[in-house]
Each structure stands twice: as structure tokens, then as C-alpha cells.
PDB file of N, CA and C in Angstrom:
ATOM      1  N   MET A   1       0.544  -7.784  16.110  1.00  0.00           N
ATOM      2  CA  MET A   1       1.662  -6.874  16.151  1.00  0.00           C
ATOM      3  C   MET A   1       1.213  -5.526  15.589  1.00  0.00           C
ATOM      4  N   ARG A   2       1.656  -4.466  16.153  1.00  0.00           N
ATOM      5  CA  ARG A   2       1.268  -3.132  15.730  1.00  0.00           C
ATOM      6  C   ARG A   2       1.764  -2.844  14.323  1.00  0.00           C
ATOM      7  N   GLY A   3       0.890  -2.228  13.502  1.00  0.00           N
ATOM      8  CA  GLY A   3       1.255  -1.894  12.134  1.00  0.00           C
ATOM      9  C   GLY A   3       1.073  -3.046  11.173  1.00  0.00           C
ATOM     10  N   GLU A   4       0.675  -4.209  11.676  1.00  0.00           N
ATOM     11  CA  GLU A   4       0.487  -5.371  10.823  1.00  0.00           C
ATOM     12  C   GLU A   4      -0.923  -5.364  10.261  1.00  0.00           C
ATOM     13  N   LEU A   5      -1.110  -6.190   9.276  1.00  0.00           N
ATOM     14  CA  LEU A   5      -2.442  -6.386   8.749  1.00  0.00           C
ATOM     15  C   LEU A   5      -3.252  -7.139   9.768  1.00  0.00           C
ATOM     16  N   GLY A   6      -4.520  -6.971   9.736  1.00  0.00           N
ATOM     17  CA  GLY A   6      -5.344  -7.689  10.678  1.00  0.00           C
ATOM     18  C   GLY A   6      -6.794  -7.296  10.543  1.00  0.00           C
ATOM     19  N   SER A   7      -7.076  -6.401   9.623  1.00  0.00           N
ATOM     20  CA  SER A   7      -8.439  -5.953   9.462  1.00  0.00           C
ATOM     21  C   SER A   7      -9.262  -6.940   8.660  1.00  0.00           C
ATOM     22  N   GLY A   8      -8.589  -7.889   7.985  1.00  0.00           N
ATOM     23  CA  GLY A   8      -9.316  -8.869   7.191  1.00  0.00           C
ATOM     24  C   GLY A   8      -9.787  -8.314   5.865  1.00  0.00           C
ATOM     25  N   GLY A   9      -9.367  -7.115   5.487  1.00  0.00           N
ATOM     26  CA  GLY A   9      -9.793  -6.511   4.234  1.00  0.00           C
ATOM     27  C   GLY A   9      -9.102  -7.133   3.034  1.00  0.00           C
ATOM     28  N   ALA A  10      -9.448  -6.642   1.862  1.00  0.00           N
ATOM     29  CA  ALA A  10      -8.902  -7.194   0.628  1.00  0.00           C
ATOM     30  C   ALA A  10      -7.395  -7.036   0.556  1.00  0.00           C
ATOM     31  N   GLY A  11      -6.866  -6.038   1.261  1.00  0.00           N
ATOM     32  CA  GLY A  11      -5.435  -5.829   1.217  1.00  0.00           C
ATOM     33  C   GLY A  11      -4.629  -6.933   1.858  1.00  0.00           C
ATOM     34  N   GLU A  12      -5.269  -7.784   2.647  1.00  0.00           N
ATOM     35  CA  GLU A  12      -4.549  -8.813   3.384  1.00  0.00           C
ATOM     36  C   GLU A  12      -4.454 -10.119   2.616  1.00  0.00           C
ATOM     37  N   ARG A  13      -5.407 -10.450   1.794  1.00  0.00           N
ATOM     38  CA  ARG A  13      -5.438 -11.730   1.097  1.00  0.00           C
ATOM     39  C   ARG A  13      -4.251 -11.870   0.171  1.00  0.00           C
ATOM     40  N   GLY A  14      -3.661 -13.054   0.195  1.00  0.00           N
ATOM     41  CA  GLY A  14      -2.627 -13.364  -0.773  1.00  0.00           C
ATOM     42  C   GLY A  14      -1.202 -13.116  -0.327  1.00  0.00           C
ATOM     43  N   LEU A  15      -0.963 -12.421   0.752  1.00  0.00           N
ATOM     44  CA  LEU A  15       0.400 -12.201   1.229  1.00  0.00           C
ATOM     45  C   LEU A  15       0.615 -12.956   2.528  1.00  0.00           C
ATOM     46  N   THR A  16       1.664 -13.754   2.562  1.00  0.00           N
ATOM     47  CA  THR A  16       2.015 -14.452   3.794  1.00  0.00           C
ATOM     48  C   THR A  16       2.845 -13.528   4.676  1.00  0.00           C
ATOM     49  N   ALA A  17       3.048 -13.926   5.911  1.00  0.00           N
ATOM     50  CA  ALA A  17       3.869 -13.131   6.838  1.00  0.00           C
ATOM     51  C   ALA A  17       5.296 -13.007   6.302  1.00  0.00           C
ATOM     52  N   ARG A  18       5.784 -14.059   5.710  1.00  0.00           N
ATOM     53  CA  ARG A  18       7.134 -14.055   5.140  1.00  0.00           C
ATOM     54  C   ARG A  18       7.241 -13.062   3.969  1.00  0.00           C
ATOM     55  N   GLN A  19       6.221 -13.051   3.128  1.00  0.00           N
ATOM     56  CA  GLN A  19       6.210 -12.119   1.993  1.00  0.00           C
ATOM     57  C   GLN A  19       6.104 -10.679   2.470  1.00  0.00           C
ATOM     58  N   ARG A  20       5.242 -10.435   3.476  1.00  0.00           N
ATOM     59  CA  ARG A  20       5.127  -9.074   4.025  1.00  0.00           C
ATOM     60  C   ARG A  20       6.456  -8.622   4.611  1.00  0.00           C
ATOM     61  N   ALA A  21       7.159  -9.524   5.305  1.00  0.00           N
ATOM     62  CA  ALA A  21       8.454  -9.169   5.892  1.00  0.00           C
ATOM     63  C   ALA A  21       9.454  -8.791   4.807  1.00  0.00           C
ATOM     64  N   ALA A  22       9.477  -9.546   3.706  1.00  0.00           N
ATOM     65  CA  ALA A  22      10.386  -9.227   2.598  1.00  0.00           C
ATOM     66  C   ALA A  22      10.040  -7.880   1.978  1.00  0.00           C
ATOM     67  N   LEU A  23       8.749  -7.608   1.814  1.00  0.00           N
ATOM     68  CA  LEU A  23       8.323  -6.334   1.235  1.00  0.00           C
ATOM     69  C   LEU A  23       8.619  -5.164   2.172  1.00  0.00           C
ATOM     70  N   LYS A  24       8.460  -5.370   3.469  1.00  0.00           N
ATOM     71  CA  LYS A  24       8.792  -4.322   4.446  1.00  0.00           C
ATOM     72  C   LYS A  24      10.269  -3.960   4.355  1.00  0.00           C
ATOM     73  N   ALA A  25      11.104  -4.972   4.221  1.00  0.00           N
ATOM     74  CA  ALA A  25      12.543  -4.726   4.116  1.00  0.00           C
ATOM     75  C   ALA A  25      12.860  -3.911   2.870  1.00  0.00           C
ATOM     76  N   LEU A  26      12.210  -4.237   1.759  1.00  0.00           N
ATOM     77  CA  LEU A  26      12.435  -3.490   0.519  1.00  0.00           C
ATOM     78  C   LEU A  26      11.899  -2.058   0.623  1.00  0.00           C
ATOM     79  N   ALA A  27      10.808  -1.885   1.345  1.00  0.00           N
ATOM     80  CA  ALA A  27      10.169  -0.571   1.441  1.00  0.00           C
ATOM     81  C   ALA A  27      10.883   0.363   2.411  1.00  0.00           C
ATOM     82  N   HIS A  28      11.714  -0.185   3.265  1.00  0.00           N
ATOM     83  CA  HIS A  28      12.356   0.617   4.305  1.00  0.00           C
ATOM     84  C   HIS A  28      13.063   1.858   3.743  1.00  0.00           C
ATOM     85  N   SER A  29      13.762   1.709   2.649  1.00  0.00           N
ATOM     86  CA  SER A  29      14.535   2.822   2.097  1.00  0.00           C
ATOM     87  C   SER A  29      13.733   3.729   1.157  1.00  0.00           C
ATOM     88  N   LEU A  30      12.502   3.370   0.861  1.00  0.00           N
ATOM     89  CA  LEU A  30      11.688   4.177  -0.045  1.00  0.00           C
ATOM     90  C   LEU A  30      11.239   5.475   0.614  1.00  0.00           C
ATOM     91  N   LYS A  31      11.081   6.491  -0.203  1.00  0.00           N
ATOM     92  CA  LYS A  31      10.497   7.758   0.238  1.00  0.00           C
ATOM     93  C   LYS A  31       9.038   7.774  -0.221  1.00  0.00           C
ATOM     94  N   PRO A  32       8.156   8.411   0.544  1.00  0.00           N
ATOM     95  CA  PRO A  32       6.757   8.491   0.105  1.00  0.00           C
ATOM     96  C   PRO A  32       6.653   9.234  -1.227  1.00  0.00           C
ATOM     97  N   ILE A  33       5.913   8.640  -2.165  1.00  0.00           N
ATOM     98  CA  ILE A  33       5.777   9.270  -3.479  1.00  0.00           C
ATOM     99  C   ILE A  33       4.453  10.014  -3.627  1.00  0.00           C
ATOM    100  N   GLN A  34       3.540   9.803  -2.694  1.00  0.00           N
ATOM    101  CA  GLN A  34       2.226  10.439  -2.776  1.00  0.00           C
ATOM    102  C   GLN A  34       1.806  10.857  -1.379  1.00  0.00           C
ATOM    103  N   HIS A  35       1.240  12.040  -1.271  1.00  0.00           N
ATOM    104  CA  HIS A  35       0.691  12.507   0.002  1.00  0.00           C
ATOM    105  C   HIS A  35      -0.825  12.534  -0.122  1.00  0.00           C
ATOM    106  N   ILE A  36      -1.497  11.995   0.871  1.00  0.00           N
ATOM    107  CA  ILE A  36      -2.953  11.944   0.872  1.00  0.00           C
ATOM    108  C   ILE A  36      -3.446  12.970   1.868  1.00  0.00           C
ATOM    109  N   GLY A  37      -4.194  13.953   1.362  1.00  0.00           N
ATOM    110  CA  GLY A  37      -4.596  15.081   2.194  1.00  0.00           C
ATOM    111  C   GLY A  37      -6.069  15.118   2.512  1.00  0.00           C
ATOM    112  N   LYS A  38      -6.604  16.331   2.596  1.00  0.00           N
ATOM    113  CA  LYS A  38      -7.964  16.535   3.098  1.00  0.00           C
ATOM    114  C   LYS A  38      -9.045  15.936   2.208  1.00  0.00           C
ATOM    115  N   GLU A  39      -8.729  15.676   0.951  1.00  0.00           N
ATOM    116  CA  GLU A  39      -9.720  15.071   0.051  1.00  0.00           C
ATOM    117  C   GLU A  39      -9.865  13.577   0.298  1.00  0.00           C
ATOM    118  N   GLY A  40      -8.873  12.967   0.907  1.00  0.00           N
ATOM    119  CA  GLY A  40      -8.928  11.529   1.174  1.00  0.00           C
ATOM    120  C   GLY A  40      -8.718  10.720  -0.097  1.00  0.00           C
ATOM    121  N   VAL A  41      -9.394   9.593  -0.193  1.00  0.00           N
ATOM    122  CA  VAL A  41      -9.251   8.696  -1.345  1.00  0.00           C
ATOM    123  C   VAL A  41     -10.235   9.127  -2.422  1.00  0.00           C
ATOM    124  N   THR A  42      -9.716   9.783  -3.437  1.00  0.00           N
ATOM    125  CA  THR A  42     -10.535  10.242  -4.559  1.00  0.00           C
ATOM    126  C   THR A  42     -10.225   9.394  -5.789  1.00  0.00           C
ATOM    127  N   ASP A  43     -11.028   9.564  -6.825  1.00  0.00           N
ATOM    128  CA  ASP A  43     -10.762   8.852  -8.083  1.00  0.00           C
ATOM    129  C   ASP A  43      -9.411   9.250  -8.654  1.00  0.00           C
ATOM    130  N   ALA A  44      -9.070  10.524  -8.508  1.00  0.00           N
ATOM    131  CA  ALA A  44      -7.771  10.997  -9.007  1.00  0.00           C
ATOM    132  C   ALA A  44      -6.620  10.340  -8.247  1.00  0.00           C
ATOM    133  N   LEU A  45      -6.757  10.208  -6.940  1.00  0.00           N
ATOM    134  CA  LEU A  45      -5.728   9.556  -6.137  1.00  0.00           C
ATOM    135  C   LEU A  45      -5.594   8.086  -6.527  1.00  0.00           C
ATOM    136  N   VAL A  46      -6.726   7.409  -6.671  1.00  0.00           N
ATOM    137  CA  VAL A  46      -6.706   5.995  -7.061  1.00  0.00           C
ATOM    138  C   VAL A  46      -6.023   5.846  -8.414  1.00  0.00           C
ATOM    139  N   GLY A  47      -6.340   6.704  -9.366  1.00  0.00           N
ATOM    140  CA  GLY A  47      -5.701   6.658 -10.683  1.00  0.00           C
ATOM    141  C   GLY A  47      -4.204   6.906 -10.605  1.00  0.00           C
ATOM    142  N   SER A  48      -3.820   7.863  -9.780  1.00  0.00           N
ATOM    143  CA  SER A  48      -2.403   8.183  -9.607  1.00  0.00           C
ATOM    144  C   SER A  48      -1.637   7.013  -8.995  1.00  0.00           C
ATOM    145  N   VAL A  49      -2.215   6.384  -7.978  1.00  0.00           N
ATOM    146  CA  VAL A  49      -1.568   5.246  -7.332  1.00  0.00           C
ATOM    147  C   VAL A  49      -1.523   4.053  -8.287  1.00  0.00           C
ATOM    148  N   GLN A  50      -2.588   3.833  -9.053  1.00  0.00           N
ATOM    149  CA  GLN A  50      -2.591   2.749 -10.039  1.00  0.00           C
ATOM    150  C   GLN A  50      -1.489   2.956 -11.070  1.00  0.00           C
ATOM    151  N   GLU A  51      -1.338   4.167 -11.536  1.00  0.00           N
ATOM    152  CA  GLU A  51      -0.292   4.481 -12.512  1.00  0.00           C
ATOM    153  C   GLU A  51       1.088   4.250 -11.913  1.00  0.00           C
ATOM    154  N   ALA A  52       1.274   4.680 -10.674  1.00  0.00           N
ATOM    155  CA  ALA A  52       2.558   4.468 -10.007  1.00  0.00           C
ATOM    156  C   ALA A  52       2.829   2.977  -9.808  1.00  0.00           C
ATOM    157  N   LEU A  53       1.780   2.203  -9.508  1.00  0.00           N
ATOM    158  CA  LEU A  53       1.946   0.762  -9.328  1.00  0.00           C
ATOM    159  C   LEU A  53       2.214   0.041 -10.649  1.00  0.00           C
ATOM    160  N   HIS A  54       1.911   0.690 -11.742  1.00  0.00           N
ATOM    161  CA  HIS A  54       2.241   0.109 -13.049  1.00  0.00           C
ATOM    162  C   HIS A  54       3.737   0.265 -13.329  1.00  0.00           C
ATOM    163  N   THR A  55       4.329   1.322 -12.788  1.00  0.00           N
ATOM    164  CA  THR A  55       5.750   1.588 -12.958  1.00  0.00           C
ATOM    165  C   THR A  55       6.584   0.860 -11.914  1.00  0.00           C
ATOM    166  N   ARG A  56       6.113   0.873 -10.665  1.00  0.00           N
ATOM    167  CA  ARG A  56       6.807   0.213  -9.550  1.00  0.00           C
ATOM    168  C   ARG A  56       5.818  -0.727  -8.887  1.00  0.00           C
ATOM    169  N   GLU A  57       6.317  -1.725  -8.254  1.00  0.00           N
ATOM    170  CA  GLU A  57       5.423  -2.674  -7.591  1.00  0.00           C
ATOM    171  C   GLU A  57       5.193  -2.332  -6.120  1.00  0.00           C
ATOM    172  N   LEU A  58       6.077  -1.548  -5.554  1.00  0.00           N
ATOM    173  CA  LEU A  58       6.027  -1.247  -4.131  1.00  0.00           C
ATOM    174  C   LEU A  58       6.048   0.265  -3.938  1.00  0.00           C
ATOM    175  N   LEU A  59       5.063   0.780  -3.206  1.00  0.00           N
ATOM    176  CA  LEU A  59       4.944   2.224  -2.990  1.00  0.00           C
ATOM    177  C   LEU A  59       4.841   2.548  -1.517  1.00  0.00           C
ATOM    178  N   LYS A  60       5.378   3.692  -1.170  1.00  0.00           N
ATOM    179  CA  LYS A  60       5.195   4.228   0.171  1.00  0.00           C
ATOM    180  C   LYS A  60       4.395   5.518   0.020  1.00  0.00           C
ATOM    181  N   LEU A  61       3.323   5.637   0.798  1.00  0.00           N
ATOM    182  CA  LEU A  61       2.438   6.793   0.759  1.00  0.00           C
ATOM    183  C   LEU A  61       2.389   7.423   2.141  1.00  0.00           C
ATOM    184  N   LYS A  62       2.143   8.716   2.180  1.00  0.00           N
ATOM    185  CA  LYS A  62       2.048   9.438   3.449  1.00  0.00           C
ATOM    186  C   LYS A  62       0.630   9.989   3.592  1.00  0.00           C
ATOM    187  N   VAL A  63      -0.015   9.703   4.703  1.00  0.00           N
ATOM    188  CA  VAL A  63      -1.349  10.218   4.992  1.00  0.00           C
ATOM    189  C   VAL A  63      -1.176  11.430   5.902  1.00  0.00           C
ATOM    190  N   LEU A  64      -1.577  12.592   5.420  1.00  0.00           N
ATOM    191  CA  LEU A  64      -1.424  13.821   6.192  1.00  0.00           C
ATOM    192  C   LEU A  64      -2.450  13.890   7.325  1.00  0.00           C
ATOM    193  N   GLU A  65      -2.176  14.702   8.317  1.00  0.00           N
ATOM    194  CA  GLU A  65      -3.073  14.825   9.476  1.00  0.00           C
ATOM    195  C   GLU A  65      -4.444  15.360   9.098  1.00  0.00           C
ATOM    196  N   VAL A  66      -4.527  16.110   8.009  1.00  0.00           N
ATOM    197  CA  VAL A  66      -5.813  16.679   7.601  1.00  0.00           C
ATOM    198  C   VAL A  66      -6.669  15.684   6.833  1.00  0.00           C
ATOM    199  N   ALA A  67      -6.165  14.511   6.593  1.00  0.00           N
ATOM    200  CA  ALA A  67      -6.936  13.487   5.866  1.00  0.00           C
ATOM    201  C   ALA A  67      -8.184  13.117   6.664  1.00  0.00           C
ATOM    202  N   PRO A  68      -9.270  12.792   5.965  1.00  0.00           N
ATOM    203  CA  PRO A  68     -10.546  12.553   6.639  1.00  0.00           C
ATOM    204  C   PRO A  68     -10.644  11.243   7.423  1.00  0.00           C
ATOM    205  N   GLY A  69      -9.690  10.362   7.292  1.00  0.00           N
ATOM    206  CA  GLY A  69      -9.760   9.090   8.007  1.00  0.00           C
ATOM    207  C   GLY A  69      -8.402   8.697   8.555  1.00  0.00           C
ATOM    208  N   SER A  70      -8.379   7.522   9.154  1.00  0.00           N
ATOM    209  CA  SER A  70      -7.117   7.008   9.678  1.00  0.00           C
ATOM    210  C   SER A  70      -6.266   6.477   8.529  1.00  0.00           C
ATOM    211  N   ALA A  71      -4.984   6.344   8.777  1.00  0.00           N
ATOM    212  CA  ALA A  71      -4.086   5.793   7.762  1.00  0.00           C
ATOM    213  C   ALA A  71      -4.508   4.367   7.418  1.00  0.00           C
ATOM    214  N   ARG A  72      -4.909   3.578   8.414  1.00  0.00           N
ATOM    215  CA  ARG A  72      -5.356   2.200   8.183  1.00  0.00           C
ATOM    216  C   ARG A  72      -6.597   2.180   7.297  1.00  0.00           C
ATOM    217  N   GLY A  73      -7.557   3.042   7.595  1.00  0.00           N
ATOM    218  CA  GLY A  73      -8.788   3.107   6.808  1.00  0.00           C
ATOM    219  C   GLY A  73      -8.527   3.508   5.373  1.00  0.00           C
ATOM    220  N   ILE A  74      -7.671   4.495   5.194  1.00  0.00           N
ATOM    221  CA  ILE A  74      -7.333   4.950   3.844  1.00  0.00           C
ATOM    222  C   ILE A  74      -6.587   3.861   3.086  1.00  0.00           C
ATOM    223  N   ALA A  75      -5.663   3.185   3.747  1.00  0.00           N
ATOM    224  CA  ALA A  75      -4.914   2.096   3.112  1.00  0.00           C
ATOM    225  C   ALA A  75      -5.854   0.978   2.671  1.00  0.00           C
ATOM    226  N   ASP A  76      -6.778   0.598   3.541  1.00  0.00           N
ATOM    227  CA  ASP A  76      -7.732  -0.460   3.198  1.00  0.00           C
ATOM    228  C   ASP A  76      -8.628  -0.049   2.039  1.00  0.00           C
ATOM    229  N   GLU A  77      -9.057   1.213   2.033  1.00  0.00           N
ATOM    230  CA  GLU A  77      -9.902   1.691   0.939  1.00  0.00           C
ATOM    231  C   GLU A  77      -9.145   1.656  -0.388  1.00  0.00           C
ATOM    232  N   LEU A  78      -7.890   2.088  -0.371  1.00  0.00           N
ATOM    233  CA  LEU A  78      -7.075   2.022  -1.592  1.00  0.00           C
ATOM    234  C   LEU A  78      -6.928   0.583  -2.082  1.00  0.00           C
ATOM    235  N   ALA A  79      -6.631  -0.330  -1.168  1.00  0.00           N
ATOM    236  CA  ALA A  79      -6.456  -1.743  -1.534  1.00  0.00           C
ATOM    237  C   ALA A  79      -7.746  -2.317  -2.108  1.00  0.00           C
ATOM    238  N   ASN A  80      -8.877  -1.894  -1.590  1.00  0.00           N
ATOM    239  CA  ASN A  80     -10.160  -2.376  -2.094  1.00  0.00           C
ATOM    240  C   ASN A  80     -10.490  -1.808  -3.470  1.00  0.00           C
ATOM    241  N   ARG A  81     -10.031  -0.609  -3.752  1.00  0.00           N
ATOM    242  CA  ARG A  81     -10.358   0.038  -5.028  1.00  0.00           C
ATOM    243  C   ARG A  81      -9.364  -0.261  -6.140  1.00  0.00           C
ATOM    244  N   ILE A  82      -8.188  -0.787  -5.789  1.00  0.00           N
ATOM    245  CA  ILE A  82      -7.169  -1.093  -6.794  1.00  0.00           C
ATOM    246  C   ILE A  82      -7.026  -2.607  -6.877  1.00  0.00           C
ATOM    247  N   GLU A  83      -7.366  -3.142  -8.010  1.00  0.00           N
ATOM    248  CA  GLU A  83      -7.322  -4.592  -8.194  1.00  0.00           C
ATOM    249  C   GLU A  83      -5.905  -5.137  -8.008  1.00  0.00           C
ATOM    250  N   GLY A  84      -5.784  -6.147  -7.166  1.00  0.00           N
ATOM    251  CA  GLY A  84      -4.502  -6.798  -6.943  1.00  0.00           C
ATOM    252  C   GLY A  84      -3.595  -6.103  -5.950  1.00  0.00           C
ATOM    253  N   ALA A  85      -4.039  -4.992  -5.371  1.00  0.00           N
ATOM    254  CA  ALA A  85      -3.198  -4.247  -4.431  1.00  0.00           C
ATOM    255  C   ALA A  85      -3.305  -4.852  -3.035  1.00  0.00           C
ATOM    256  N   HIS A  86      -2.202  -4.807  -2.308  1.00  0.00           N
ATOM    257  CA  HIS A  86      -2.127  -5.327  -0.947  1.00  0.00           C
ATOM    258  C   HIS A  86      -1.511  -4.275  -0.041  1.00  0.00           C
ATOM    259  N   VAL A  87      -2.088  -4.100   1.138  1.00  0.00           N
ATOM    260  CA  VAL A  87      -1.485  -3.247   2.153  1.00  0.00           C
ATOM    261  C   VAL A  87      -0.417  -4.086   2.836  1.00  0.00           C
ATOM    262  N   VAL A  88       0.824  -3.654   2.724  1.00  0.00           N
ATOM    263  CA  VAL A  88       1.935  -4.375   3.332  1.00  0.00           C
ATOM    264  C   VAL A  88       2.080  -3.976   4.783  1.00  0.00           C
ATOM    265  N   GLN A  89       1.973  -2.670   5.036  1.00  0.00           N
ATOM    266  CA  GLN A  89       2.271  -2.153   6.367  1.00  0.00           C
ATOM    267  C   GLN A  89       1.673  -0.767   6.526  1.00  0.00           C
ATOM    268  N   VAL A  90       1.243  -0.471   7.735  1.00  0.00           N
ATOM    269  CA  VAL A  90       0.839   0.878   8.121  1.00  0.00           C
ATOM    270  C   VAL A  90       1.552   1.177   9.435  1.00  0.00           C
ATOM    271  N   ILE A  91       2.414   2.183   9.405  1.00  0.00           N
ATOM    272  CA  ILE A  91       3.094   2.628  10.622  1.00  0.00           C
ATOM    273  C   ILE A  91       2.838   4.120  10.749  1.00  0.00           C
ATOM    274  N   GLY A  92       2.163   4.490  11.826  1.00  0.00           N
ATOM    275  CA  GLY A  92       1.812   5.896  11.995  1.00  0.00           C
ATOM    276  C   GLY A  92       0.952   6.356  10.838  1.00  0.00           C
ATOM    277  N   ARG A  93       1.460   7.304  10.077  1.00  0.00           N
ATOM    278  CA  ARG A  93       0.719   7.821   8.926  1.00  0.00           C
ATOM    279  C   ARG A  93       1.374   7.424   7.600  1.00  0.00           C
ATOM    280  N   THR A  94       2.251   6.441   7.659  1.00  0.00           N
ATOM    281  CA  THR A  94       2.935   5.955   6.460  1.00  0.00           C
ATOM    282  C   THR A  94       2.354   4.601   6.067  1.00  0.00           C
ATOM    283  N   VAL A  95       2.028   4.471   4.787  1.00  0.00           N
ATOM    284  CA  VAL A  95       1.397   3.268   4.257  1.00  0.00           C
ATOM    285  C   VAL A  95       2.293   2.687   3.165  1.00  0.00           C
ATOM    286  N   VAL A  96       2.457   1.375   3.167  1.00  0.00           N
ATOM    287  CA  VAL A  96       3.197   0.685   2.113  1.00  0.00           C
ATOM    288  C   VAL A  96       2.211  -0.209   1.369  1.00  0.00           C
ATOM    289  N   VAL A  97       2.169  -0.051   0.043  1.00  0.00           N
ATOM    290  CA  VAL A  97       1.241  -0.795  -0.807  1.00  0.00           C
ATOM    291  C   VAL A  97       2.039  -1.560  -1.857  1.00  0.00           C
ATOM    292  N   TYR A  98       1.604  -2.796  -2.129  1.00  0.00           N
ATOM    293  CA  TYR A  98       2.264  -3.653  -3.118  1.00  0.00           C
ATOM    294  C   TYR A  98       1.242  -4.171  -4.110  1.00  0.00           C
ATOM    295  N   ARG A  99       1.632  -4.203  -5.378  1.00  0.00           N
ATOM    296  CA  ARG A  99       0.854  -4.891  -6.407  1.00  0.00           C
ATOM    297  C   ARG A  99       1.835  -5.472  -7.411  1.00  0.00           C
ATOM    298  N   ARG A 100       1.743  -6.765  -7.623  1.00  0.00           N
ATOM    299  CA  ARG A 100       2.609  -7.456  -8.571  1.00  0.00           C
ATOM    300  C   ARG A 100       2.319  -6.958  -9.983  1.00  0.00           C
ATOM    301  N   HIS A 101       3.387  -6.662 -10.720  1.00  0.00           N
ATOM    302  CA  HIS A 101       3.223  -6.234 -12.103  1.00  0.00           C
ATOM    303  C   HIS A 101       2.720  -7.428 -12.902  1.00  0.00           C
ATOM    304  N   PRO A 102       1.664  -7.244 -13.696  1.00  0.00           N
ATOM    305  CA  PRO A 102       1.058  -8.385 -14.392  1.00  0.00           C
ATOM    306  C   PRO A 102       1.944  -9.013 -15.468  1.00  0.00           C
ATOM    307  N   GLU A 103       2.823  -8.236 -16.082  1.00  0.00           N
ATOM    308  CA  GLU A 103       3.635  -8.757 -17.190  1.00  0.00           C
ATOM    309  C   GLU A 103       5.107  -8.899 -16.846  1.00  0.00           C
ATOM    310  N   ARG A 104       5.650  -7.942 -16.116  1.00  0.00           N
ATOM    311  CA  ARG A 104       7.082  -7.933 -15.823  1.00  0.00           C
ATOM    312  C   ARG A 104       7.334  -7.722 -14.334  1.00  0.00           C
ATOM    313  N   PRO A 105       7.037  -8.715 -13.497  1.00  0.00           N
ATOM    314  CA  PRO A 105       7.296  -8.542 -12.076  1.00  0.00           C
ATOM    315  C   PRO A 105       8.778  -8.426 -11.788  1.00  0.00           C
ATOM    316  N   ARG A 106       9.138  -7.461 -10.968  1.00  0.00           N
ATOM    317  CA  ARG A 106      10.543  -7.251 -10.605  1.00  0.00           C
ATOM    318  C   ARG A 106      10.859  -7.798  -9.226  1.00  0.00           C
ATOM    319  N   ILE A 107       9.875  -7.822  -8.365  1.00  0.00           N
ATOM    320  CA  ILE A 107      10.079  -8.300  -7.008  1.00  0.00           C
ATOM    321  C   ILE A 107       9.701  -9.783  -6.955  1.00  0.00           C
ATOM    322  N   VAL A 108      10.640 -10.595  -6.508  1.00  0.00           N
ATOM    323  CA  VAL A 108      10.395 -12.028  -6.337  1.00  0.00           C
ATOM    324  C   VAL A 108      10.137 -12.272  -4.854  1.00  0.00           C
ATOM    325  N   LEU A 109       8.912 -12.679  -4.566  1.00  0.00           N
ATOM    326  CA  LEU A 109       8.525 -12.902  -3.172  1.00  0.00           C
ATOM    327  C   LEU A 109       8.835 -14.317  -2.739  1.00  0.00           C
ATOM    328  N   PRO A 110       9.240 -14.499  -1.468  1.00  0.00           N
ATOM    329  CA  PRO A 110       9.432 -15.850  -0.938  1.00  0.00           C
ATOM    330  C   PRO A 110       8.089 -16.570  -0.848  1.00  0.00           C
ATOM    331  N   ARG A 111       8.124 -17.873  -0.846  1.00  0.00           N
ATOM    332  CA  ARG A 111       6.870 -18.638  -0.758  1.00  0.00           C
ATOM    333  C   ARG A 111       6.438 -18.863   0.653  1.00  0.00           C
TER     334      ARG A 111
END
């Protein structure tokens, strides 16, 4: 299915189709909190996303047209560089990323 995981990267492990569907539903109303531009995935971006994932478990990011790679590639790179992060969905240039809070999870995923 278009926009689904399928690259086999680290972002895919650990989330079932049912869990991704629940996370997509929760992410629908979110606004992108970070824009990824011409610098692509930098250490500063990774740190910023990690900090945001410490506050919230589910993030929506926007990949600008000037970004050096595809939205899928950037999403996979972020998931690989952030421990425990999963790419939930990529639609167009919008990316949804999830990471369970280690101490106080707020989102309860279906099994």
C-alpha cells in the first residue's frame, strides 16, 4: 500500500499493521512540528527530534522540496539514528514518527 512501511529498515521493526493504523489515526490531527530543509538529517535535527520525542511519543514532520533526499529516505535515516523510533507513515512529504516513552508512555497500542 502506498505510504506504508516496506523498506525493511529499522523503522519498521516492532510495529504491527494494527499498531500503525492506530498511530495513523492519532497522527491525523497533528500539525508538523519540524521542517526538514536543505541540510537534510543533521545532528542538530536528530537532537531536536529526540527532544520532541521525549515530550511527545508521536510526531509529524514535513520534508521540504529543497531537502537532499526523498521523504522516505529521510524518515528511514531518522529512525535509524534515533533509538526506538519507528516510521509510522510517509505520505508525500509528510512523515509520522513514533517512539514509546521509556518511563511514562501515554499512547497504548493495540496488540
